[in-house]
Amino acid sequence: MKFFEKFLLKKIDLIRAINNTMKEQLIERKFPIERIMKIPNGININIYKEIVKIPHNRIHYGYVGRLTKFKNITFLINGFKEYFKKFPEDRLYIYGEGSEEKGLQNLIQKYNLSENIILKGYMKNKKKIYSNIDVLVDPALAQGISNAHLEAMVTGTFIIVSNVHGSKELVRNWKTGLLFDVHDKKDLMDKLIFYKTNEKIVNQIIMEAKKEVYNFYNIDAITKKIYDRIVNYLNKTQKSQKICSSNKQLIKYGN
């Protein structure tokens, strides 16, 4: 596998890294830094403009993504188990499917939380998801630049996510969302309670997050960045080839 990776990297002219962690990994593998495009994901913000929040008399938290081990949903359920002791009226909706689904269902039943934590399965209709949830909570153990985080931010959904690489690059803590220690249930609880008890600051964070996506993660702007970088690279390459060709001609003429 490592041989194949090295072989492949030698054949690639340009490669895109969506965050600093990926860029550093490529540099460690001796890929030339000048051929790395560090450009994040982007989303089509026009798709989400018509989403309107459905009013309800309790808080709807949500998770959107795959139900796999490294997504750390067991931690999320254990954290909300404590939360629901204080605030049993609220709800956690889990959107997604994966290998952990059955085990999570059993855990929810074991804790008698079937009314509080609802597994919704995979849902393609993003409008239904983001019109329903007030807060996106993501406890992932690893992250790139999450489309779910971007979708939440642009739809006015508050985000509380784990402080792992990728998320820390996207989310400015206390500015565009909240980060929590991925191994600390109390820290998660504190952030959930902060959301519940600080409406004015929360609304300011929501507005700042939305602006952040419009300004920096709009798919049109991201596509232009990629296009410009490729064109710039090709122009440099063509100039280098012309110089090499000219040098060869000079050598030939000198002989």
Protein backbone atom coordinates (compact mmCIF):
# COMPACT_ATOMS: atom_id res chain seq x y z
CA MET A 1 0.00 0.00 0.00
CA LYS A 2 2.84 2.42 0.90
CA PHE A 3 4.61 1.56 -2.36
CA PHE A 4 1.40 2.25 -4.30
CA GLU A 5 0.95 5.55 -2.42
CA LYS A 6 4.51 6.67 -3.19
CA PHE A 7 4.10 5.66 -6.83
CA LEU A 8 0.83 7.57 -7.09
CA LEU A 9 2.18 10.72 -5.43
CA LYS A 10 5.06 10.77 -7.94
CA LYS A 11 2.56 10.78 -10.81
CA ILE A 12 0.43 13.64 -9.41
CA ASP A 13 1.12 17.23 -10.48
CA LEU A 14 -1.23 18.93 -8.02
CA ILE A 15 -3.06 17.60 -5.00
CA ARG A 16 -5.73 19.21 -2.86
CA ALA A 17 -5.64 19.15 0.94
CA ILE A 18 -8.84 20.31 2.62
CA ASN A 19 -7.16 21.16 5.94
CA ASN A 20 -3.76 21.70 7.56
CA THR A 21 -3.56 18.14 8.89
CA MET A 22 -3.82 16.69 5.38
CA LYS A 23 -1.28 19.21 4.11
CA GLU A 24 1.19 18.23 6.85
CA GLN A 25 0.70 14.53 6.08
CA LEU A 26 1.52 15.13 2.41
CA ILE A 27 4.64 17.10 3.33
CA GLU A 28 5.73 14.22 5.61
CA ARG A 29 5.37 11.92 2.60
CA LYS A 30 7.81 14.19 0.71
CA PHE A 31 5.19 15.62 -1.65
CA PRO A 32 6.46 19.04 -2.85
CA ILE A 33 4.77 21.82 -0.87
CA GLU A 34 4.43 24.04 -3.95
CA ARG A 35 2.20 21.39 -5.53
CA ILE A 36 -0.23 21.17 -2.62
CA MET A 37 -3.47 23.17 -2.87
CA LYS A 38 -4.78 23.82 0.63
CA ILE A 39 -8.41 24.58 -0.21
CA PRO A 40 -11.37 23.49 1.97
CA ASN A 41 -14.74 22.04 1.01
CA GLY A 42 -17.50 24.33 -0.13
CA ILE A 43 -21.28 24.06 -0.40
CA ASN A 44 -23.92 25.44 -2.74
CA ILE A 45 -25.45 28.03 -0.42
CA ASN A 46 -28.40 28.62 -2.78
CA ILE A 47 -29.83 25.19 -1.87
CA TYR A 48 -30.26 26.26 1.76
CA LYS A 49 -31.67 29.78 1.36
CA GLU A 50 -35.31 28.68 1.58
CA ILE A 51 -34.91 26.66 4.78
CA VAL A 52 -37.03 28.08 7.60
CA LYS A 53 -36.91 26.80 11.17
CA ILE A 54 -40.07 25.07 12.40
CA PRO A 55 -41.02 26.59 15.77
CA HIS A 56 -41.31 24.21 18.75
CA ASN A 57 -41.47 24.63 22.53
CA ARG A 58 -38.33 22.62 23.28
CA ILE A 59 -34.80 22.38 21.95
CA HIS A 60 -34.13 19.98 19.08
CA TYR A 61 -30.51 18.86 18.97
CA GLY A 62 -29.28 16.88 15.99
CA TYR A 63 -26.45 14.78 14.64
CA VAL A 64 -26.02 14.37 10.86
CA GLY A 65 -23.57 11.80 9.48
CA ARG A 66 -22.52 8.18 9.36
CA LEU A 67 -23.03 5.93 12.36
CA THR A 68 -19.56 4.43 12.60
CA LYS A 69 -17.20 3.92 15.51
CA PHE A 70 -14.93 6.90 14.90
CA LYS A 71 -18.00 9.16 14.75
CA ASN A 72 -18.23 8.57 18.51
CA ILE A 73 -22.04 8.47 18.81
CA THR A 74 -21.88 6.30 21.94
CA PHE A 75 -20.14 9.22 23.67
CA LEU A 76 -22.91 11.52 22.43
CA ILE A 77 -25.66 9.30 23.85
CA ASN A 78 -23.84 8.95 27.17
CA GLY A 79 -23.45 12.71 27.36
CA PHE A 80 -27.10 13.34 26.59
CA LYS A 81 -28.10 10.74 29.15
CA GLU A 82 -26.87 13.18 31.81
CA TYR A 83 -28.34 16.18 30.02
CA PHE A 84 -31.83 14.66 29.88
CA LYS A 85 -31.83 14.18 33.65
CA LYS A 86 -31.98 17.98 33.90
CA PHE A 87 -33.88 18.80 30.72
CA PRO A 88 -36.16 15.84 29.84
CA GLU A 89 -38.33 17.99 27.57
CA ASP A 90 -35.64 18.37 24.88
CA ARG A 91 -34.85 15.97 22.03
CA LEU A 92 -31.85 14.58 20.14
CA TYR A 93 -32.44 13.51 16.53
CA ILE A 94 -29.78 11.31 14.93
CA TYR A 95 -29.77 11.36 11.11
CA GLY A 96 -27.66 8.71 9.41
CA GLU A 97 -26.97 5.03 9.03
CA GLY A 98 -24.01 2.73 9.49
CA SER A 99 -22.46 -0.24 11.25
CA GLU A 100 -23.14 1.13 14.77
CA GLU A 101 -26.87 1.67 14.25
CA LYS A 102 -28.13 -1.48 15.98
CA GLY A 103 -25.81 -1.04 18.95
CA LEU A 104 -26.90 2.58 19.37
CA GLN A 105 -30.56 1.54 19.29
CA ASN A 106 -29.88 -1.00 22.03
CA LEU A 107 -28.06 1.62 24.12
CA ILE A 108 -30.94 4.07 23.80
CA GLN A 109 -33.40 1.39 24.92
CA LYS A 110 -31.11 0.36 27.80
CA TYR A 111 -31.15 3.94 29.11
CA ASN A 112 -34.93 4.27 28.57
CA LEU A 113 -34.34 7.27 26.31
CA SER A 114 -36.43 6.24 23.30
CA GLU A 115 -38.63 9.34 23.67
CA ASN A 116 -35.65 11.67 23.97
CA ILE A 117 -33.23 10.23 21.39
CA ILE A 118 -34.71 9.41 17.99
CA LEU A 119 -32.82 7.54 15.27
CA LYS A 120 -34.14 8.95 11.98
CA GLY A 121 -31.99 6.93 9.58
CA TYR A 122 -30.51 8.41 6.41
CA MET A 123 -32.48 11.38 5.07
CA LYS A 124 -31.63 12.93 1.71
CA ASN A 125 -33.93 15.92 2.19
CA LYS A 126 -31.70 18.49 3.94
CA LYS A 127 -34.60 20.92 4.23
CA LYS A 128 -36.43 18.52 6.56
CA ILE A 129 -33.31 18.04 8.69
CA TYR A 130 -32.24 21.64 9.17
CA SER A 131 -35.75 23.04 9.50
CA ASN A 132 -36.24 20.63 12.43
CA ILE A 133 -33.02 20.98 14.45
CA ASP A 134 -31.82 24.02 16.41
CA VAL A 135 -28.33 22.74 17.24
CA LEU A 136 -25.96 20.41 15.41
CA VAL A 137 -23.82 18.36 17.84
CA ASP A 138 -20.92 16.37 16.40
CA PRO A 139 -18.62 14.28 18.65
CA ALA A 140 -16.41 12.83 15.86
CA LEU A 141 -12.92 11.62 16.78
CA ALA A 142 -11.56 12.86 13.44
CA GLN A 143 -12.79 15.36 10.90
CA GLY A 144 -11.89 16.89 7.57
CA ILE A 145 -13.94 19.97 6.77
CA SER A 146 -17.44 18.70 7.44
CA ASN A 147 -20.20 19.49 4.95
CA ALA A 148 -22.73 18.91 7.74
CA HIS A 149 -21.06 21.67 9.78
CA LEU A 150 -21.16 24.03 6.80
CA GLU A 151 -24.80 23.18 6.11
CA ALA A 152 -25.72 23.83 9.73
CA MET A 153 -23.88 27.15 9.83
CA VAL A 154 -25.49 28.48 6.63
CA THR A 155 -29.00 27.47 7.77
CA GLY A 156 -28.77 29.28 11.11
CA THR A 157 -28.27 26.08 13.06
CA PHE A 158 -25.99 26.53 16.07
CA ILE A 159 -23.04 24.11 16.13
CA ILE A 160 -21.35 22.36 19.06
CA VAL A 161 -18.59 20.09 17.77
CA SER A 162 -15.55 18.18 19.03
CA ASN A 163 -12.21 20.01 19.10
CA VAL A 164 -10.45 17.77 16.57
CA HIS A 165 -8.33 18.79 13.57
CA GLY A 166 -10.54 20.02 10.77
CA SER A 167 -13.30 21.22 13.07
CA LYS A 168 -10.82 23.53 14.82
CA GLU A 169 -9.96 25.04 11.44
CA LEU A 170 -13.57 25.56 10.44
CA VAL A 171 -15.08 26.66 13.75
CA ARG A 172 -13.78 29.74 15.55
CA ASN A 173 -14.55 28.87 19.16
CA TRP A 174 -17.08 31.26 20.75
CA LYS A 175 -17.24 33.17 17.44
CA THR A 176 -18.90 30.84 14.92
CA GLY A 177 -19.71 27.88 17.18
CA LEU A 178 -18.54 26.00 20.25
CA LEU A 179 -15.83 23.35 20.54
CA PHE A 180 -15.78 20.73 23.29
CA ASP A 181 -13.22 18.20 24.49
CA VAL A 182 -14.00 15.01 22.62
CA HIS A 183 -13.31 12.90 25.75
CA ASP A 184 -15.05 15.10 28.32
CA LYS A 185 -18.80 14.65 28.87
CA LYS A 186 -18.88 17.52 31.36
CA ASP A 187 -17.44 19.89 28.78
CA LEU A 188 -20.13 18.80 26.34
CA MET A 189 -22.78 19.33 29.03
CA ASP A 190 -21.46 22.83 29.78
CA LYS A 191 -21.69 23.78 26.09
CA LEU A 192 -25.24 22.42 25.79
CA ILE A 193 -26.32 24.41 28.85
CA PHE A 194 -24.59 27.52 27.49
CA TYR A 195 -26.72 27.27 24.36
CA LYS A 196 -29.86 26.88 26.45
CA THR A 197 -29.18 29.87 28.71
CA ASN A 198 -27.50 32.53 26.53
CA GLU A 199 -29.90 33.40 23.74
CA LYS A 200 -28.39 36.79 22.84
CA ILE A 201 -24.82 35.52 22.46
CA VAL A 202 -26.03 32.38 20.68
CA ASN A 203 -27.86 34.50 18.06
CA GLN A 204 -24.72 36.57 17.49
CA ILE A 205 -22.67 33.40 16.96
CA ILE A 206 -25.27 32.03 14.54
CA MET A 207 -25.15 35.21 12.44
CA GLU A 208 -21.34 35.25 12.40
CA ALA A 209 -21.25 31.57 11.35
CA LYS A 210 -23.62 32.21 8.48
CA LYS A 211 -21.48 35.10 7.21
CA GLU A 212 -18.38 32.91 7.46
CA VAL A 213 -19.86 30.31 5.09
CA TYR A 214 -21.13 32.93 2.64
CA ASN A 215 -17.73 34.63 2.52
CA PHE A 216 -15.32 31.68 2.55
CA TYR A 217 -17.08 28.36 1.86
CA ASN A 218 -19.40 29.21 -1.04
CA ILE A 219 -18.85 26.52 -3.67
CA ASP A 220 -18.48 29.14 -6.43
CA ALA A 221 -15.60 30.81 -4.58
CA ILE A 222 -13.99 27.43 -3.78
CA THR A 223 -14.26 26.29 -7.41
CA LYS A 224 -12.64 29.53 -8.60
CA LYS A 225 -9.76 29.04 -6.14
CA ILE A 226 -9.13 25.53 -7.48
CA TYR A 227 -9.38 26.69 -11.09
CA ASP A 228 -7.02 29.65 -10.54
CA ARG A 229 -4.48 27.44 -8.77
CA ILE A 230 -4.50 24.88 -11.61
CA VAL A 231 -4.16 27.58 -14.28
CA ASN A 232 -1.32 29.21 -12.34
CA TYR A 233 0.47 25.87 -12.03
CA LEU A 234 0.04 25.08 -15.73
CA ASN A 235 1.34 28.51 -16.71
CA LYS A 236 4.43 28.03 -14.56
CA THR A 237 4.95 24.53 -15.93
CA GLN A 238 4.67 25.72 -19.53
CA LYS A 239 7.18 28.53 -18.87
CA SER A 240 9.59 26.01 -17.32
CA GLN A 241 9.21 23.73 -20.33
CA LYS A 242 9.93 26.64 -22.71
CA ILE A 243 13.05 27.57 -20.73
CA CYS A 244 14.24 23.94 -20.79
CA SER A 245 13.56 23.76 -24.51
CA SER A 246 15.47 27.02 -25.10
CA ASN A 247 18.42 25.76 -23.07
CA LYS A 248 18.53 22.57 -25.12
CA GLN A 249 18.57 24.64 -28.31
CA LEU A 250 21.43 26.78 -26.96
CA ILE A 251 23.46 23.70 -26.04
CA LYS A 252 22.83 22.24 -29.47
CA TYR A 253 23.81 25.49 -31.17
CA GLY A 254 26.95 25.78 -29.03
CA ASN A 255 28.06 22.30 -30.02
